[in-house]
């Protein structure tokens, strides 16, 4: 009987996605903070929109990375 092994290429891909997600998790709230500090500036709305998109991207990438890591361990 054959034992299941972790697919290392898929695992590395999942870890890279999680690393990008971690960066976005710090960048999104930082941009929101910068936007709210400078509410009287003309770039307030564009920076806030970009910050919200980055926060959404961080959540998406976290789920995708976790799913990829689990696929490397449990799929054939």
Protein backbone atom coordinates (compact mmCIF):
# COMPACT_ATOMS: atom_id res chain seq x y z
CA UNK A 1 0.00 0.00 0.00
CA UNK A 2 1.28 3.43 -0.98
CA UNK A 3 1.50 6.20 1.61
CA UNK A 4 0.40 9.73 0.79
CA UNK A 5 3.17 12.30 0.64
CA UNK A 6 3.10 16.06 0.53
CA UNK A 7 3.51 17.57 -2.93
CA UNK A 8 6.38 19.97 -2.27
CA UNK A 9 5.88 22.14 -5.38
CA UNK A 10 2.27 22.85 -4.47
CA UNK A 11 3.24 23.43 -0.83
CA UNK A 12 5.87 26.03 -1.82
CA UNK A 13 3.32 27.72 -4.08
CA UNK A 14 0.85 27.89 -1.19
CA UNK A 15 3.48 29.33 1.15
CA UNK A 16 4.36 32.02 -1.40
CA UNK A 17 0.69 32.98 -1.65
CA UNK A 18 0.46 33.13 2.15
CA UNK A 19 3.55 35.38 2.22
CA UNK A 20 1.97 37.80 -0.24
CA UNK A 21 -1.20 37.69 1.85
CA UNK A 22 0.78 38.54 4.98
CA UNK A 23 2.27 41.57 3.26
CA UNK A 24 -1.18 42.70 2.14
CA UNK A 25 -2.51 42.21 5.69
CA UNK A 26 -0.05 44.84 6.90
CA UNK A 27 -0.27 47.16 3.89
CA UNK A 28 -4.09 47.43 3.81
CA UNK A 29 -4.63 48.73 7.35
CA UNK A 30 -1.59 50.98 7.01
CA UNK A 31 -3.10 52.59 3.91
CA UNK A 32 -6.46 52.98 5.67
CA UNK A 33 -4.70 54.71 8.57
CA UNK A 34 -2.84 57.03 6.17
CA UNK A 35 -6.09 57.83 4.35
CA UNK A 36 -7.97 58.72 7.53
CA UNK A 37 -5.12 60.85 8.86
CA UNK A 38 -5.15 62.96 5.66
CA UNK A 39 -8.88 63.48 5.14
CA UNK A 40 -8.46 67.06 3.96
CA UNK A 41 -6.02 66.12 1.16
CA UNK A 42 -7.24 65.54 -2.41
CA UNK A 43 -5.93 61.95 -2.54
CA UNK A 44 -8.06 60.82 0.42
CA UNK A 45 -10.67 58.94 -1.63
CA UNK A 46 -8.26 57.17 -4.06
CA UNK A 47 -6.01 56.01 -1.21
CA UNK A 48 -9.02 54.76 0.75
CA UNK A 49 -10.30 52.84 -2.28
CA UNK A 50 -6.89 51.24 -2.86
CA UNK A 51 -6.66 50.35 0.85
CA UNK A 52 -10.04 48.61 0.83
CA UNK A 53 -9.06 46.67 -2.31
CA UNK A 54 -5.77 45.59 -0.69
CA UNK A 55 -7.63 44.41 2.44
CA UNK A 56 -10.02 42.37 0.30
CA UNK A 57 -7.09 40.95 -1.65
CA UNK A 58 -5.40 39.92 1.61
CA UNK A 59 -8.47 37.96 2.69
CA UNK A 60 -8.79 36.30 -0.73
CA UNK A 61 -5.11 35.37 -0.87
CA UNK A 62 -5.21 33.95 2.67
CA UNK A 63 -8.05 31.59 1.74
CA UNK A 64 -6.41 30.66 -1.56
CA UNK A 65 -3.03 30.03 0.08
CA UNK A 66 -4.53 27.92 2.84
CA UNK A 67 -6.53 25.92 0.29
CA UNK A 68 -3.38 25.35 -1.79
CA UNK A 69 -1.42 24.17 1.26
CA UNK A 70 -4.20 21.75 2.22
CA UNK A 71 -4.37 20.48 -1.38
CA UNK A 72 -0.64 19.73 -1.27
CA UNK A 73 -1.13 17.57 1.81
CA UNK A 74 -4.41 15.77 1.20
CA UNK A 75 -4.98 15.54 -2.58
CA UNK A 76 -3.39 12.93 -4.78
